[in-house]
Amino acid sequence: MHKQGALLSREEQTKITRVLVKTAQMLAQCGA
């Protein structure tokens, strides 16, 4: 077990971040 404070690994955090960025860009294009 890794003694990391984060529940997600760096790879998982990167994937989630990319999804959030894409979602934010889509919402911005929709003018939301």
C-alpha atoms as a PDB file:
ATOM      1  CA  MET A   1       0.000   0.000   0.000  1.00  0.00           C
ATOM      2  CA  HIS A   2       1.224   3.447  -0.866  1.00  0.00           C
ATOM      3  CA  LYS A   3       1.188   6.024   1.895  1.00  0.00           C
ATOM      4  CA  GLN A   4      -0.390   8.691  -0.266  1.00  0.00           C
ATOM      5  CA  GLY A   5      -3.027  11.122   0.958  1.00  0.00           C
ATOM      6  CA  ALA A   6      -4.791  10.944  -2.391  1.00  0.00           C
ATOM      7  CA  LEU A   7      -7.255   8.123  -2.929  1.00  0.00           C
ATOM      8  CA  LEU A   8      -6.522   8.153  -6.646  1.00  0.00           C
ATOM      9  CA  SER A   9      -3.276   7.400  -8.397  1.00  0.00           C
ATOM     10  CA  ARG A  10      -1.513  10.021 -10.492  1.00  0.00           C
ATOM     11  CA  GLU A  11      -2.708   8.321 -13.684  1.00  0.00           C
ATOM     12  CA  GLU A  12      -6.311   8.317 -12.461  1.00  0.00           C
ATOM     13  CA  GLN A  13      -6.055  11.964 -11.424  1.00  0.00           C
ATOM     14  CA  THR A  14      -4.712  12.843 -14.881  1.00  0.00           C
ATOM     15  CA  LYS A  15      -7.555  11.004 -16.625  1.00  0.00           C
ATOM     16  CA  ILE A  16     -10.176  12.684 -14.444  1.00  0.00           C
ATOM     17  CA  THR A  17      -8.579  16.088 -14.977  1.00  0.00           C
ATOM     18  CA  ARG A  18      -8.679  15.624 -18.749  1.00  0.00           C
ATOM     19  CA  VAL A  19     -12.363  14.669 -18.599  1.00  0.00           C
ATOM     20  CA  LEU A  20     -13.153  17.698 -16.442  1.00  0.00           C
ATOM     21  CA  VAL A  21     -11.300  19.990 -18.839  1.00  0.00           C
ATOM     22  CA  LYS A  22     -13.139  18.563 -21.854  1.00  0.00           C
ATOM     23  CA  THR A  23     -16.463  18.938 -20.064  1.00  0.00           C
ATOM     24  CA  ALA A  24     -15.674  22.524 -19.078  1.00  0.00           C
ATOM     25  CA  GLN A  25     -14.732  23.356 -22.676  1.00  0.00           C
ATOM     26  CA  MET A  26     -17.996  21.862 -23.973  1.00  0.00           C
ATOM     27  CA  LEU A  27     -20.021  23.851 -21.448  1.00  0.00           C
ATOM     28  CA  ALA A  28     -18.146  27.015 -22.366  1.00  0.00           C
ATOM     29  CA  GLN A  29     -18.893  26.464 -26.060  1.00  0.00           C
ATOM     30  CA  CYS A  30     -22.590  25.984 -25.213  1.00  0.00           C
ATOM     31  CA  GLY A  31     -22.466  29.318 -23.390  1.00  0.00           C
ATOM     32  CA  ALA A  32     -23.425  27.746 -20.066  1.00  0.00           C
END
